[in-house]
Amino acid sequence: MTVERAVRLLAGVIVLASLALAHWVSGYWIWLTVFVGLNLLQSAFTNWCPAMAIFRWMGLRTA
């Protein structure tokens, strides 16, 4: 698995989990989805996000 695929996987899991939490626990969990979306938006322009650094540290290769 590459860093890029791991970032997309992590973002998808967090978005789905936060939407489920917002539905069943509290509507405030929607802010986690907003945070992930904004982070993906800025990483599209800067090609960097904190998860990429963590996945590289874990030994995943880049594409």
PDB file of N, CA and C in Angstrom:
ATOM      1  N   MET A   1       0.845  -1.176   0.000  1.00  0.00           N
ATOM      2  CA  MET A   1       0.000   0.000   0.000  1.00  0.00           C
ATOM      3  C   MET A   1       0.887   1.235   0.000  1.00  0.00           C
ATOM      4  N   THR A   2       0.477   2.233  -0.750  1.00  0.00           N
ATOM      5  CA  THR A   2       1.239   3.471  -0.828  1.00  0.00           C
ATOM      6  C   THR A   2       0.670   4.495   0.144  1.00  0.00           C
ATOM      7  N   VAL A   3       1.438   5.546   0.369  1.00  0.00           N
ATOM      8  CA  VAL A   3       1.021   6.624   1.262  1.00  0.00           C
ATOM      9  C   VAL A   3      -0.276   7.265   0.756  1.00  0.00           C
ATOM     10  N   GLU A   4      -0.355   7.486  -0.532  1.00  0.00           N
ATOM     11  CA  GLU A   4      -1.520   8.149  -1.105  1.00  0.00           C
ATOM     12  C   GLU A   4      -2.787   7.320  -0.905  1.00  0.00           C
ATOM     13  N   ARG A   5      -2.692   6.010  -1.121  1.00  0.00           N
ATOM     14  CA  ARG A   5      -3.857   5.142  -0.925  1.00  0.00           C
ATOM     15  C   ARG A   5      -4.227   5.059   0.544  1.00  0.00           C
ATOM     16  N   ALA A   6      -3.237   5.044   1.421  1.00  0.00           N
ATOM     17  CA  ALA A   6      -3.508   4.980   2.862  1.00  0.00           C
ATOM     18  C   ALA A   6      -4.209   6.246   3.331  1.00  0.00           C
ATOM     19  N   VAL A   7      -3.826   7.404   2.796  1.00  0.00           N
ATOM     20  CA  VAL A   7      -4.472   8.661   3.168  1.00  0.00           C
ATOM     21  C   VAL A   7      -5.928   8.656   2.725  1.00  0.00           C
ATOM     22  N   ARG A   8      -6.197   8.194   1.511  1.00  0.00           N
ATOM     23  CA  ARG A   8      -7.582   8.125   1.032  1.00  0.00           C
ATOM     24  C   ARG A   8      -8.398   7.141   1.860  1.00  0.00           C
ATOM     25  N   LEU A   9      -7.797   6.015   2.221  1.00  0.00           N
ATOM     26  CA  LEU A   9      -8.496   5.031   3.049  1.00  0.00           C
ATOM     27  C   LEU A   9      -8.817   5.609   4.423  1.00  0.00           C
ATOM     28  N   LEU A  10      -7.847   6.245   5.043  1.00  0.00           N
ATOM     29  CA  LEU A  10      -8.053   6.845   6.360  1.00  0.00           C
ATOM     30  C   LEU A  10      -9.132   7.925   6.303  1.00  0.00           C
ATOM     31  N   ALA A  11      -9.094   8.768   5.288  1.00  0.00           N
ATOM     32  CA  ALA A  11     -10.089   9.838   5.157  1.00  0.00           C
ATOM     33  C   ALA A  11     -11.489   9.247   4.991  1.00  0.00           C
ATOM     34  N   GLY A  12     -11.612   8.229   4.174  1.00  0.00           N
ATOM     35  CA  GLY A  12     -12.921   7.603   3.973  1.00  0.00           C
ATOM     36  C   GLY A  12     -13.462   6.968   5.236  1.00  0.00           C
ATOM     37  N   VAL A  13     -12.605   6.276   5.980  1.00  0.00           N
ATOM     38  CA  VAL A  13     -13.038   5.648   7.229  1.00  0.00           C
ATOM     39  C   VAL A  13     -13.463   6.702   8.247  1.00  0.00           C
ATOM     40  N   ILE A  14     -12.692   7.777   8.366  1.00  0.00           N
ATOM     41  CA  ILE A  14     -13.030   8.820   9.335  1.00  0.00           C
ATOM     42  C   ILE A  14     -14.331   9.520   8.948  1.00  0.00           C
ATOM     43  N   VAL A  15     -14.528   9.792   7.670  1.00  0.00           N
ATOM     44  CA  VAL A  15     -15.761  10.444   7.232  1.00  0.00           C
ATOM     45  C   VAL A  15     -16.971   9.562   7.530  1.00  0.00           C
ATOM     46  N   LEU A  16     -16.893   8.286   7.182  1.00  0.00           N
ATOM     47  CA  LEU A  16     -18.023   7.394   7.442  1.00  0.00           C
ATOM     48  C   LEU A  16     -18.280   7.223   8.935  1.00  0.00           C
ATOM     49  N   ALA A  17     -17.215   7.102   9.722  1.00  0.00           N
ATOM     50  CA  ALA A  17     -17.382   6.959  11.174  1.00  0.00           C
ATOM     51  C   ALA A  17     -17.979   8.215  11.786  1.00  0.00           C
ATOM     52  N   SER A  18     -17.522   9.387  11.350  1.00  0.00           N
ATOM     53  CA  SER A  18     -18.052  10.623  11.923  1.00  0.00           C
ATOM     54  C   SER A  18     -19.504  10.854  11.510  1.00  0.00           C
ATOM     55  N   LEU A  19     -19.868  10.439  10.307  1.00  0.00           N
ATOM     56  CA  LEU A  19     -21.272  10.560   9.909  1.00  0.00           C
ATOM     57  C   LEU A  19     -22.155   9.626  10.724  1.00  0.00           C
ATOM     58  N   ALA A  20     -21.686   8.422  10.997  1.00  0.00           N
ATOM     59  CA  ALA A  20     -22.448   7.502  11.844  1.00  0.00           C
ATOM     60  C   ALA A  20     -22.570   8.057  13.259  1.00  0.00           C
ATOM     61  N   LEU A  21     -21.485   8.596  13.797  1.00  0.00           N
ATOM     62  CA  LEU A  21     -21.528   9.185  15.131  1.00  0.00           C
ATOM     63  C   LEU A  21     -22.452  10.406  15.169  1.00  0.00           C
ATOM     64  N   ALA A  22     -22.447  11.202  14.112  1.00  0.00           N
ATOM     65  CA  ALA A  22     -23.330  12.364  14.065  1.00  0.00           C
ATOM     66  C   ALA A  22     -24.794  11.933  14.014  1.00  0.00           C
ATOM     67  N   HIS A  23     -25.060  10.828  13.365  1.00  0.00           N
ATOM     68  CA  HIS A  23     -26.437  10.346  13.263  1.00  0.00           C
ATOM     69  C   HIS A  23     -26.929   9.745  14.578  1.00  0.00           C
ATOM     70  N   TRP A  24     -26.090   8.915  15.213  1.00  0.00           N
ATOM     71  CA  TRP A  24     -26.548   8.169  16.378  1.00  0.00           C
ATOM     72  C   TRP A  24     -26.127   8.757  17.730  1.00  0.00           C
ATOM     73  N   VAL A  25     -25.109   9.598  17.774  1.00  0.00           N
ATOM     74  CA  VAL A  25     -24.629  10.087  19.066  1.00  0.00           C
ATOM     75  C   VAL A  25     -24.916  11.575  19.235  1.00  0.00           C
ATOM     76  N   SER A  26     -24.267  12.398  18.418  1.00  0.00           N
ATOM     77  CA  SER A  26     -24.432  13.840  18.541  1.00  0.00           C
ATOM     78  C   SER A  26     -24.123  14.492  17.201  1.00  0.00           C
ATOM     79  N   GLY A  27     -24.884  15.502  16.860  1.00  0.00           N
ATOM     80  CA  GLY A  27     -24.673  16.212  15.607  1.00  0.00           C
ATOM     81  C   GLY A  27     -23.347  16.950  15.521  1.00  0.00           C
ATOM     82  N   TYR A  28     -22.718  17.159  16.661  1.00  0.00           N
ATOM     83  CA  TYR A  28     -21.435  17.850  16.663  1.00  0.00           C
ATOM     84  C   TYR A  28     -20.320  17.043  15.999  1.00  0.00           C
ATOM     85  N   TRP A  29     -20.503  15.742  15.843  1.00  0.00           N
ATOM     86  CA  TRP A  29     -19.498  14.921  15.167  1.00  0.00           C
ATOM     87  C   TRP A  29     -19.335  15.295  13.699  1.00  0.00           C
ATOM     88  N   ILE A  30     -20.279  16.023  13.156  1.00  0.00           N
ATOM     89  CA  ILE A  30     -20.179  16.448  11.757  1.00  0.00           C
ATOM     90  C   ILE A  30     -18.962  17.351  11.547  1.00  0.00           C
ATOM     91  N   TRP A  31     -18.504  18.008  12.615  1.00  0.00           N
ATOM     92  CA  TRP A  31     -17.320  18.860  12.510  1.00  0.00           C
ATOM     93  C   TRP A  31     -16.070  18.055  12.187  1.00  0.00           C
ATOM     94  N   LEU A  32     -16.033  16.792  12.577  1.00  0.00           N
ATOM     95  CA  LEU A  32     -14.898  15.942  12.197  1.00  0.00           C
ATOM     96  C   LEU A  32     -14.892  15.723  10.691  1.00  0.00           C
ATOM     97  N   THR A  33     -16.056  15.542  10.109  1.00  0.00           N
ATOM     98  CA  THR A  33     -16.164  15.419   8.655  1.00  0.00           C
ATOM     99  C   THR A  33     -15.713  16.705   7.976  1.00  0.00           C
ATOM    100  N   VAL A  34     -16.095  17.832   8.524  1.00  0.00           N
ATOM    101  CA  VAL A  34     -15.675  19.125   7.974  1.00  0.00           C
ATOM    102  C   VAL A  34     -14.155  19.255   8.034  1.00  0.00           C
ATOM    103  N   PHE A  35     -13.563  18.863   9.154  1.00  0.00           N
ATOM    104  CA  PHE A  35     -12.107  18.935   9.299  1.00  0.00           C
ATOM    105  C   PHE A  35     -11.401  18.063   8.262  1.00  0.00           C
ATOM    106  N   VAL A  36     -11.889  16.846   8.071  1.00  0.00           N
ATOM    107  CA  VAL A  36     -11.274  15.951   7.086  1.00  0.00           C
ATOM    108  C   VAL A  36     -11.402  16.536   5.687  1.00  0.00           C
ATOM    109  N   GLY A  37     -12.565  17.078   5.373  1.00  0.00           N
ATOM    110  CA  GLY A  37     -12.764  17.686   4.055  1.00  0.00           C
ATOM    111  C   GLY A  37     -11.837  18.867   3.816  1.00  0.00           C
ATOM    112  N   LEU A  38     -11.696  19.721   4.806  1.00  0.00           N
ATOM    113  CA  LEU A  38     -10.789  20.863   4.665  1.00  0.00           C
ATOM    114  C   LEU A  38      -9.334  20.412   4.548  1.00  0.00           C
ATOM    115  N   ASN A  39      -8.978  19.382   5.292  1.00  0.00           N
ATOM    116  CA  ASN A  39      -7.618  18.862   5.213  1.00  0.00           C
ATOM    117  C   ASN A  39      -7.344  18.273   3.831  1.00  0.00           C
ATOM    118  N   LEU A  40      -8.305  17.559   3.261  1.00  0.00           N
ATOM    119  CA  LEU A  40      -8.142  17.026   1.910  1.00  0.00           C
ATOM    120  C   LEU A  40      -8.049  18.150   0.876  1.00  0.00           C
ATOM    121  N   LEU A  41      -8.830  19.200   1.089  1.00  0.00           N
ATOM    122  CA  LEU A  41      -8.789  20.342   0.175  1.00  0.00           C
ATOM    123  C   LEU A  41      -7.433  21.021   0.184  1.00  0.00           C
ATOM    124  N   GLN A  42      -6.890  21.296   1.362  1.00  0.00           N
ATOM    125  CA  GLN A  42      -5.587  21.952   1.417  1.00  0.00           C
ATOM    126  C   GLN A  42      -4.485  21.035   0.920  1.00  0.00           C
ATOM    127  N   SER A  43      -4.614  19.727   1.137  1.00  0.00           N
ATOM    128  CA  SER A  43      -3.567  18.815   0.666  1.00  0.00           C
ATOM    129  C   SER A  43      -3.579  18.687  -0.858  1.00  0.00           C
ATOM    130  N   ALA A  44      -4.710  18.971  -1.485  1.00  0.00           N
ATOM    131  CA  ALA A  44      -4.757  18.959  -2.949  1.00  0.00           C
ATOM    132  C   ALA A  44      -3.894  20.065  -3.532  1.00  0.00           C
ATOM    133  N   PHE A  45      -3.779  21.184  -2.807  1.00  0.00           N
ATOM    134  CA  PHE A  45      -2.979  22.299  -3.298  1.00  0.00           C
ATOM    135  C   PHE A  45      -1.529  22.247  -2.813  1.00  0.00           C
ATOM    136  N   THR A  46      -1.303  21.715  -1.614  1.00  0.00           N
ATOM    137  CA  THR A  46       0.047  21.726  -1.051  1.00  0.00           C
ATOM    138  C   THR A  46       0.759  20.389  -1.157  1.00  0.00           C
ATOM    139  N   ASN A  47       0.014  19.312  -1.476  1.00  0.00           N
ATOM    140  CA  ASN A  47       0.555  17.951  -1.561  1.00  0.00           C
ATOM    141  C   ASN A  47       1.183  17.519  -0.227  1.00  0.00           C
ATOM    142  N   TRP A  48       0.598  17.970   0.880  1.00  0.00           N
ATOM    143  CA  TRP A  48       1.064  17.574   2.201  1.00  0.00           C
ATOM    144  C   TRP A  48      -0.099  17.561   3.174  1.00  0.00           C
ATOM    145  N   CYS A  49      -0.102  16.565   4.035  1.00  0.00           N
ATOM    146  CA  CYS A  49      -1.031  16.531   5.161  1.00  0.00           C
ATOM    147  C   CYS A  49      -0.352  15.740   6.284  1.00  0.00           C
ATOM    148  N   PRO A  50      -0.774  15.925   7.523  1.00  0.00           N
ATOM    149  CA  PRO A  50      -0.118  15.242   8.642  1.00  0.00           C
ATOM    150  C   PRO A  50      -0.142  13.721   8.513  1.00  0.00           C
ATOM    151  N   ALA A  51      -1.214  13.179   7.956  1.00  0.00           N
ATOM    152  CA  ALA A  51      -1.294  11.720   7.812  1.00  0.00           C
ATOM    153  C   ALA A  51      -0.203  11.196   6.882  1.00  0.00           C
ATOM    154  N   MET A  52       0.169  11.956   5.868  1.00  0.00           N
ATOM    155  CA  MET A  52       1.228  11.519   4.952  1.00  0.00           C
ATOM    156  C   MET A  52       2.554  11.372   5.689  1.00  0.00           C
ATOM    157  N   ALA A  53       2.857  12.312   6.554  1.00  0.00           N
ATOM    158  CA  ALA A  53       4.099  12.240   7.323  1.00  0.00           C
ATOM    159  C   ALA A  53       4.090  11.027   8.248  1.00  0.00           C
ATOM    160  N   ILE A  54       2.952  10.761   8.862  1.00  0.00           N
ATOM    161  CA  ILE A  54       2.851   9.609   9.766  1.00  0.00           C
ATOM    162  C   ILE A  54       2.982   8.306   8.989  1.00  0.00           C
ATOM    163  N   PHE A  55       2.332   8.193   7.837  1.00  0.00           N
ATOM    164  CA  PHE A  55       2.425   6.968   7.046  1.00  0.00           C
ATOM    165  C   PHE A  55       3.829   6.752   6.496  1.00  0.00           C
ATOM    166  N   ARG A  56       4.516   7.826   6.125  1.00  0.00           N
ATOM    167  CA  ARG A  56       5.911   7.679   5.691  1.00  0.00           C
ATOM    168  C   ARG A  56       6.788   7.208   6.835  1.00  0.00           C
ATOM    169  N   TRP A  57       6.549   7.736   8.046  1.00  0.00           N
ATOM    170  CA  TRP A  57       7.298   7.321   9.230  1.00  0.00           C
ATOM    171  C   TRP A  57       7.055   5.851   9.530  1.00  0.00           C
ATOM    172  N   MET A  58       5.842   5.366   9.218  1.00  0.00           N
ATOM    173  CA  MET A  58       5.511   3.962   9.442  1.00  0.00           C
ATOM    174  C   MET A  58       6.140   3.045   8.385  1.00  0.00           C
ATOM    175  N   GLY A  59       6.707   3.616   7.341  1.00  0.00           N
ATOM    176  CA  GLY A  59       7.416   2.820   6.349  1.00  0.00           C
ATOM    177  C   GLY A  59       6.683   2.577   5.047  1.00  0.00           C
ATOM    178  N   LEU A  60       5.535   3.225   4.842  1.00  0.00           N
ATOM    179  CA  LEU A  60       4.832   3.068   3.577  1.00  0.00           C
ATOM    180  C   LEU A  60       5.581   3.827   2.498  1.00  0.00           C
ATOM    181  N   ARG A  61       5.528   3.304   1.307  1.00  0.00           N
ATOM    182  CA  ARG A  61       6.243   3.930   0.194  1.00  0.00           C
ATOM    183  C   ARG A  61       5.327   4.915  -0.521  1.00  0.00           C
ATOM    184  N   THR A  62       5.942   5.857  -1.218  1.00  0.00           N
ATOM    185  CA  THR A  62       5.162   6.819  -2.002  1.00  0.00           C
ATOM    186  C   THR A  62       4.976   6.277  -3.408  1.00  0.00           C
ATOM    187  N   ALA A  63       3.988   6.805  -4.100  1.00  0.00           N
ATOM    188  CA  ALA A  63       3.681   6.318  -5.452  1.00  0.00           C
ATOM    189  C   ALA A  63       4.738   6.768  -6.441  1.00  0.00           C
TER     190      ALA A  63
END
